[in-house]
Protein backbone atom coordinates (compact mmCIF):
# COMPACT_ATOMS: atom_id res chain seq x y z
CA MET A 1 20.91 -19.80 11.07
CA ASP A 2 23.58 -18.32 12.89
CA THR A 3 23.80 -14.55 12.85
CA ALA A 4 25.70 -13.45 16.18
CA ILE A 5 28.27 -10.78 15.33
CA LYS A 6 27.66 -11.37 11.80
CA LYS A 7 27.25 -7.78 9.20
CA MET A 8 25.08 -7.04 6.09
CA LYS A 9 25.13 -4.55 3.62
CA VAL A 10 22.63 -1.72 4.27
CA PRO A 11 21.45 0.85 1.93
CA VAL A 12 22.00 4.64 3.99
CA PHE A 13 19.41 7.21 2.37
CA ASN A 14 21.62 10.37 2.71
CA GLY A 15 18.83 12.68 0.83
CA ASN A 16 19.30 14.64 -1.96
CA GLY A 17 18.30 11.33 -3.88
CA GLN A 18 21.39 9.62 -3.16
CA ILE A 19 21.82 5.81 -1.68
CA GLN A 20 25.07 4.42 -0.29
CA PHE A 21 25.91 1.35 1.50
CA THR A 22 27.51 0.58 4.77
CA LYS A 23 27.56 -2.56 6.72
CA LYS A 24 25.86 -3.21 10.52
CA GLU A 25 25.47 -5.81 12.30
CA ILE A 26 22.54 -8.32 11.97
CA PRO A 27 20.11 -7.47 14.79
CA GLN A 28 19.50 -10.32 17.28
CA PRO A 29 15.79 -11.16 18.37
CA ALA A 30 14.93 -10.38 21.92
CA SER A 31 11.61 -11.77 23.68
CA GLY A 32 8.98 -11.69 21.45
CA GLN A 33 10.57 -10.80 18.52
CA LEU A 34 11.40 -12.51 15.06
CA LEU A 35 14.76 -12.13 12.96
CA LEU A 36 13.46 -12.35 9.04
CA GLU A 37 15.78 -12.67 6.38
CA VAL A 38 14.05 -9.92 3.92
CA LYS A 39 13.37 -11.47 0.48
CA ALA A 40 11.50 -8.68 -1.17
CA ASN A 41 10.52 -5.19 -0.39
CA VAL A 42 8.63 -2.86 -2.50
CA LEU A 43 8.88 0.98 -3.33
CA CYS A 44 6.34 3.16 -2.11
CA GLY A 45 5.47 6.77 -2.89
CA SER A 46 5.56 7.48 1.09
CA GLU A 47 9.54 6.95 0.64
CA ARG A 48 9.57 10.33 -1.11
CA GLY A 49 10.73 12.29 1.78
CA GLN A 50 13.51 9.71 3.07
CA PHE A 51 15.01 9.57 -0.70
CA TYR A 52 15.20 13.32 -1.40
CA HIS A 53 15.65 14.17 2.48
CA GLY A 54 17.16 11.45 4.09
CA SER A 55 16.51 9.01 6.67
CA HIS A 56 17.90 8.34 10.05
CA VAL A 57 16.66 4.51 9.59
CA VAL A 58 16.73 1.85 6.91
CA PRO A 59 13.40 2.64 4.90
CA GLY A 60 10.91 0.09 3.40
CA HIS A 61 7.59 -1.08 5.13
CA GLU A 62 6.35 -3.41 2.70
CA VAL A 63 8.23 -6.49 3.82
CA ALA A 64 8.09 -9.99 2.53
CA GLY A 65 10.72 -12.93 4.04
CA ASN A 66 11.49 -15.85 5.91
CA VAL A 67 12.20 -16.39 9.77
CA VAL A 68 15.49 -17.37 10.46
CA ALA A 69 15.70 -16.87 14.21
CA VAL A 70 13.41 -16.19 17.19
CA GLY A 71 13.28 -14.88 21.00
CA ASN A 72 11.57 -16.28 23.82
CA ASN A 73 8.34 -16.06 24.24
CA THR A 74 7.29 -16.73 20.44
CA SER A 75 5.34 -19.42 18.67
CA THR A 76 6.80 -19.03 15.48
CA GLU A 77 8.84 -21.42 13.97
CA VAL A 78 12.02 -20.73 12.08
CA GLY A 79 11.73 -20.85 8.38
CA THR A 80 8.45 -19.34 8.48
CA PRO A 81 7.44 -16.92 5.17
CA GLY A 82 5.30 -14.13 5.98
CA VAL A 83 4.71 -10.43 5.36
CA VAL A 84 5.27 -7.58 7.93
CA PHE A 85 2.36 -5.37 8.86
CA LEU A 86 3.81 -1.79 8.89
CA MET A 87 2.43 -0.46 12.29
CA ASP A 88 3.73 -2.13 15.59
CA TYR A 89 0.36 -1.70 17.14
CA CYS A 90 0.28 -2.78 20.90
CA SER A 91 -2.34 -5.15 21.20
CA GLU A 92 -3.79 -4.00 24.31
CA CYS A 93 -5.54 -0.74 23.55
CA GLU A 94 -9.17 -0.12 23.36
CA ASN A 95 -8.78 -0.07 19.07
CA CYS A 96 -6.63 -2.75 19.25
CA GLN A 97 -9.10 -5.07 21.29
CA LEU A 98 -11.73 -4.19 18.77
CA GLY A 99 -9.75 -4.97 15.73
CA PHE A 100 -8.47 -1.66 15.00
CA THR A 101 -4.65 -2.11 14.95
CA ASN A 102 -4.25 0.74 12.16
CA GLN A 103 -5.68 3.03 14.87
CA CYS A 104 -3.66 1.90 17.68
CA SER A 105 -3.63 4.11 20.37
CA ASN A 106 -0.10 3.21 21.80
CA LYS A 107 1.81 2.27 18.58
CA ARG A 108 5.14 1.39 19.22
CA GLY A 109 6.55 2.52 15.97
CA ASP A 110 6.48 2.37 12.10
CA TYR A 111 8.98 -0.24 10.28
CA GLY A 112 10.78 1.70 7.44
CA PHE A 113 10.15 4.96 9.07
CA ASN A 114 11.31 4.77 12.54
CA ARG A 115 12.63 1.56 12.75
CA ASP A 116 14.91 -0.46 10.49
CA GLY A 117 12.67 -1.83 7.50
CA GLY A 118 12.90 -4.25 4.43
CA TYR A 119 15.96 -2.44 2.36
CA SER A 120 17.89 -4.03 4.91
CA PRO A 121 19.05 -7.69 4.47
CA TYR A 122 17.66 -8.76 7.96
CA ILE A 123 15.45 -7.02 10.54
CA VAL A 124 13.92 -7.65 13.74
CA VAL A 125 9.98 -7.62 14.23
CA ASN A 126 7.74 -7.89 16.85
CA GLU A 127 5.98 -11.24 16.19
CA ASN A 128 2.49 -9.89 16.47
CA VAL A 129 2.74 -7.88 13.24
CA PHE A 130 4.39 -11.06 11.27
CA PHE A 131 1.61 -12.91 9.09
CA GLN A 132 2.31 -15.94 7.86
CA ILE A 133 1.64 -17.02 4.30
CA ASN A 134 1.66 -20.16 2.40
CA PRO A 135 5.31 -21.24 0.97
CA ASN A 136 4.02 -21.89 -2.23
CA ILE A 137 3.23 -17.99 -2.61
CA PRO A 138 6.68 -16.08 -4.21
CA LEU A 139 7.50 -13.65 -1.40
CA THR A 140 7.99 -11.17 -4.25
CA ASP A 141 4.14 -11.50 -4.89
CA ALA A 142 3.09 -11.48 -1.40
CA THR A 143 4.14 -8.22 -0.75
CA LEU A 144 0.97 -7.34 -2.90
CA LEU A 145 -0.77 -8.10 0.24
CA LEU A 146 0.54 -5.01 1.75
CA ASP A 147 -0.08 -1.77 0.81
CA ILE A 148 -1.67 -2.53 -2.83
CA MET A 149 -4.57 -5.03 -1.64
CA GLY A 150 -4.43 -4.08 2.06
CA THR A 151 -4.76 -0.23 1.58
CA GLY A 152 -7.00 -0.71 -1.60
CA GLY A 153 -9.03 -3.06 -0.48
CA HIS A 154 -9.73 -1.32 3.33
CA ALA A 155 -10.44 1.94 1.67
CA ILE A 156 -13.41 -0.12 -0.28
CA LYS A 157 -14.66 -1.44 2.92
CA ARG A 158 -14.89 1.82 4.34
CA ALA A 159 -16.87 3.20 1.26
CA GLN A 160 -19.17 0.00 2.02
CA LEU A 161 -19.75 1.44 5.61
CA VAL A 162 -21.84 4.05 4.29
CA HIS A 163 -23.00 2.62 0.94
CA GLN A 164 -23.84 -1.14 0.61
CA THR A 165 -24.86 -0.96 -3.12
CA ILE A 166 -21.64 0.42 -4.74
CA ARG A 167 -22.19 0.29 -8.83
CA SER A 168 -19.87 2.59 -10.28
CA VAL A 169 -16.45 3.75 -8.94
CA ALA A 170 -13.83 6.58 -9.87
CA ILE A 171 -10.17 6.81 -8.89
CA THR A 172 -7.75 9.66 -9.01
CA GLY A 173 -4.17 8.65 -9.21
CA ALA A 174 -2.77 5.61 -10.99
CA GLY A 175 0.26 4.80 -8.80
CA PRO A 176 0.32 2.00 -7.02
CA ILE A 177 -2.09 2.68 -4.50
CA GLY A 178 -4.58 3.84 -7.20
CA LEU A 179 -4.14 0.56 -9.10
CA GLY A 180 -4.81 -1.13 -5.75
CA VAL A 181 -8.04 0.44 -5.15
CA LEU A 182 -8.61 -0.52 -8.90
CA ALA A 183 -8.00 -4.17 -8.65
CA MET A 184 -9.76 -4.77 -5.53
CA SER A 185 -12.86 -2.77 -6.52
CA LYS A 186 -12.55 -5.32 -9.17
CA LEU A 187 -12.40 -8.60 -6.70
CA LEU A 188 -14.73 -6.92 -4.01
CA LEU A 189 -17.25 -5.42 -5.88
CA GLY A 190 -17.66 -6.93 -9.15
CA LYS A 191 -15.30 -7.60 -12.43
CA ASP A 192 -17.97 -5.98 -14.39
CA ILE A 193 -18.28 -2.47 -12.11
CA PRO A 194 -17.29 0.51 -13.94
CA VAL A 195 -14.06 2.14 -12.57
CA PHE A 196 -13.31 5.61 -14.33
CA ILE A 197 -9.45 5.94 -12.98
CA ALA A 198 -7.67 9.41 -14.10
CA ASP A 199 -3.92 10.25 -13.97
CA TYR A 200 -1.54 12.19 -16.45
CA SER A 201 1.09 9.00 -16.86
CA ALA A 202 0.36 7.24 -19.78
CA TYR A 203 2.18 4.16 -18.72
CA ARG A 204 0.38 3.82 -15.60
CA LEU A 205 -2.73 4.30 -17.64
CA GLN A 206 -2.21 1.85 -20.26
CA LEU A 207 -1.70 -0.69 -17.09
CA ALA A 208 -4.57 0.83 -15.22
CA ALA A 209 -6.56 -0.48 -18.70
CA LYS A 210 -4.92 -3.65 -18.35
CA LEU A 211 -6.48 -4.35 -14.87
CA GLY A 212 -9.99 -3.53 -16.40
CA GLY A 213 -10.09 0.07 -15.46
CA ILE A 214 -11.49 2.74 -17.62
CA ALA A 215 -8.36 4.95 -18.08
CA VAL A 216 -8.85 9.15 -18.30
CA ASN A 217 -5.82 10.75 -19.58
CA LEU A 218 -5.90 14.19 -18.05
CA HIS A 219 -3.60 15.39 -20.80
CA GLU A 220 -6.84 15.12 -23.00
CA SER A 221 -9.91 15.11 -20.88
CA SER A 222 -10.85 16.21 -17.37
CA LEU A 223 -12.66 13.48 -15.11
CA PRO A 224 -16.47 15.27 -14.86
CA ASN A 225 -16.18 14.94 -18.79
CA ALA A 226 -15.13 11.72 -19.70
CA ILE A 227 -17.65 10.22 -16.89
CA GLN A 228 -20.46 12.34 -18.63
CA SER A 229 -18.71 10.90 -22.28
CA ASP A 230 -19.44 7.43 -21.15
CA ASN A 231 -23.37 8.30 -20.09
CA PHE A 232 -22.71 8.25 -16.57
CA ILE A 233 -24.12 10.96 -14.26
CA GLY A 234 -22.12 10.26 -11.87
CA VAL A 235 -20.32 7.48 -9.72
CA ASP A 236 -21.47 5.75 -6.44
CA ALA A 237 -17.98 5.80 -4.64
CA ALA A 238 -14.84 8.09 -5.34
CA PHE A 239 -11.32 7.35 -4.32
CA ASP A 240 -8.37 10.08 -3.88
CA THR A 241 -5.04 8.49 -3.73
CA SER A 242 -2.96 11.62 -5.05
CA GLY A 243 -3.76 13.77 -2.06
CA LYS A 244 -4.33 16.87 -4.50
CA THR A 245 -6.83 19.39 -3.51
CA SER A 246 -8.21 19.49 -7.44
CA ALA A 247 -8.09 15.53 -7.56
CA ARG A 248 -10.75 15.64 -4.43
CA GLN A 249 -12.69 18.40 -5.45
CA SER A 250 -13.09 16.56 -9.39
CA LEU A 251 -14.48 13.39 -7.56
CA LEU A 252 -16.80 15.53 -5.14
CA SER A 253 -18.43 16.97 -8.06
CA ILE A 254 -19.24 13.80 -9.91
CA LEU A 255 -20.49 11.77 -6.77
CA LYS A 256 -24.00 10.60 -7.28
CA GLN A 257 -26.86 11.12 -4.29
CA ARG A 258 -25.75 9.00 -1.53
CA GLY A 259 -22.09 9.03 -2.75
CA VAL A 260 -18.74 8.84 -0.73
CA LEU A 261 -15.71 9.96 -1.13
CA VAL A 262 -12.97 8.36 0.40
CA CYS A 263 -9.58 10.19 0.90
CA VAL A 264 -6.79 7.71 0.86
CA GLY A 265 -3.57 9.56 -0.23
CA HIS A 266 -2.18 11.92 2.39
CA GLY A 267 -1.72 15.80 1.79
CA GLU A 268 -3.83 18.72 0.51
CA GLU A 269 -7.17 20.11 1.60
CA LEU A 270 -10.77 19.63 0.55
CA LYS A 271 -13.42 22.36 0.61
CA LEU A 272 -16.75 21.37 1.46
CA ASN A 273 -20.26 23.08 1.41
CA VAL A 274 -21.93 21.08 4.07
CA SER A 275 -25.25 21.89 3.06
CA SER A 276 -25.35 21.47 -0.61
CA ASP A 277 -22.11 18.73 -1.00
CA LEU A 278 -23.16 16.87 1.79
CA ILE A 279 -26.51 17.34 3.28
CA ALA A 280 -28.89 17.90 0.66
CA ASN A 281 -27.58 14.82 -1.70
CA GLU A 282 -26.69 12.50 1.70
CA ARG A 283 -23.36 12.28 0.75
CA ALA A 284 -20.29 11.52 2.91
CA VAL A 285 -16.26 12.23 3.15
CA LEU A 286 -14.11 9.27 4.72
CA GLY A 287 -10.48 8.81 5.36
CA SER A 288 -8.81 5.62 5.09
CA GLU A 289 -5.82 4.92 6.49
CA TYR A 290 -3.72 1.39 5.86
CA PHE A 291 -5.72 -1.33 7.11
CA GLN A 292 -6.29 -3.70 9.87
CA PHE A 293 -4.01 -6.83 10.35
CA GLU A 294 -6.90 -9.15 10.46
CA GLU A 295 -7.48 -8.20 6.51
CA LEU A 296 -4.47 -10.02 5.65
CA ALA A 297 -6.38 -13.29 6.02
CA GLU A 298 -9.13 -12.50 4.14
CA ASN A 299 -6.67 -10.96 1.37
CA LEU A 300 -4.66 -14.04 1.40
CA LYS A 301 -7.11 -15.98 -0.24
CA LEU A 302 -8.22 -13.30 -2.92
CA LEU A 303 -4.27 -13.30 -3.80
CA GLN A 304 -4.02 -16.88 -4.02
CA ASN A 305 -7.07 -17.28 -6.32
CA ASN A 306 -6.07 -14.18 -8.29
CA LEU A 307 -2.45 -14.34 -8.77
CA ALA A 308 -2.48 -14.05 -12.17
CA TYR A 309 -4.25 -10.48 -12.20
CA LEU A 310 -2.78 -8.99 -9.41
CA GLN A 311 0.83 -9.66 -10.41
CA GLN A 312 0.42 -7.17 -13.54
CA ILE A 313 0.76 -4.49 -10.96
CA ILE A 314 4.62 -5.59 -10.32
CA THR A 315 6.42 -4.03 -12.85
CA HIS A 316 9.98 -3.50 -12.10
CA ARG A 317 12.28 -5.85 -10.24
CA PHE A 318 15.90 -4.96 -9.09
CA HIS A 319 18.58 -6.09 -6.79
CA LEU A 320 19.43 -4.23 -3.48
CA GLU A 321 22.67 -3.24 -5.20
CA GLU A 322 20.64 -1.45 -7.96
CA ILE A 323 18.76 0.51 -5.64
CA GLN A 324 19.62 4.08 -6.38
CA ALA A 325 18.37 3.22 -10.02
CA ALA A 326 14.98 1.74 -8.75
CA PHE A 327 14.42 5.01 -6.89
CA GLU A 328 15.02 6.92 -9.78
CA LEU A 329 12.88 5.12 -12.23
CA PHE A 330 10.03 4.69 -9.58
CA PHE A 331 9.86 8.70 -9.28
CA LYS A 332 9.98 9.01 -12.78
CA GLY A 333 6.68 7.67 -13.14
CA ASP A 334 6.49 5.14 -15.60
CA THR A 335 6.34 2.18 -13.44
CA GLY A 336 3.67 0.09 -11.57
CA LYS A 337 5.22 -1.42 -8.17
CA VAL A 338 9.15 -2.11 -8.19
CA VAL A 339 10.29 -4.15 -5.94
CA ILE A 340 13.88 -4.99 -4.62
CA GLU A 341 14.65 -8.33 -4.43
CA HIS A 342 17.48 -9.61 -1.92
CA GLU A 343 19.58 -12.56 -3.09
CA GLY A 344 20.26 -15.58 -1.37
């Protein structure tokens, strides 16, 4: 595709919840880089600050698209579909060499946060962060590989590092990440495993129930009371996706002996009495940040085998010209994943 000197229409996040459009030249790939024509990008709660406070780059970090041009020293063919790993990892530091690409110590950037991201019709990415997918998977559905399956699945694998026999799960927050943890709990731990999921949004709790979760409406009951009413003495693994101190404390209170609490959502603090909360019960508290690039291959197989189940998480689709309405709806809370689909 000849993109030289051509211009594209891109959204500008001005702050105060206002998005306008301007025109920019389509970028050209340098050595080791790919130019993608973006086909889909999913809204994320981490973009709240960009929507309300503005952004100097085009946001969007859950990107799926097709390669339309390549730079020198690349091996990807034009026309290849795929998704983009958020973190532009260096491939050379100790963590990268060991596979911990989400903990790169020389990270070059984050697409959508300090480099132009997927609400732009075209973006340039370094080839190492591009993951090729099967052409028979719709690119909108391919975005599920990222924050939904990637972040959700990585959190579960973190828990399994210290608890190999997880038989019950609780989640605080039924937003997209919470729904991702729920779905991946079913796929990785077993479809019959009880998964409690708590939120205030009736819409999201209905969606969680469709995915097989035990929905707890926090307007009606606390999470500990809901667990007890279902005759559970606690859970083996708990995941906070809300970032709220109250949610984390609630999860800590329902952990069984040897239980593990995984903090997925950034935000507030957690208060611990080390002796009674951790040592005596041999509990663990872990953090989980995004996921490792190599996890994409395993998740691609899961997506192919469970596409209809996972598709339920995507509830709304908008064209790029409707991005203002998409963000307004998303931050009202009555959605699952909201996707911006680029035409063409």
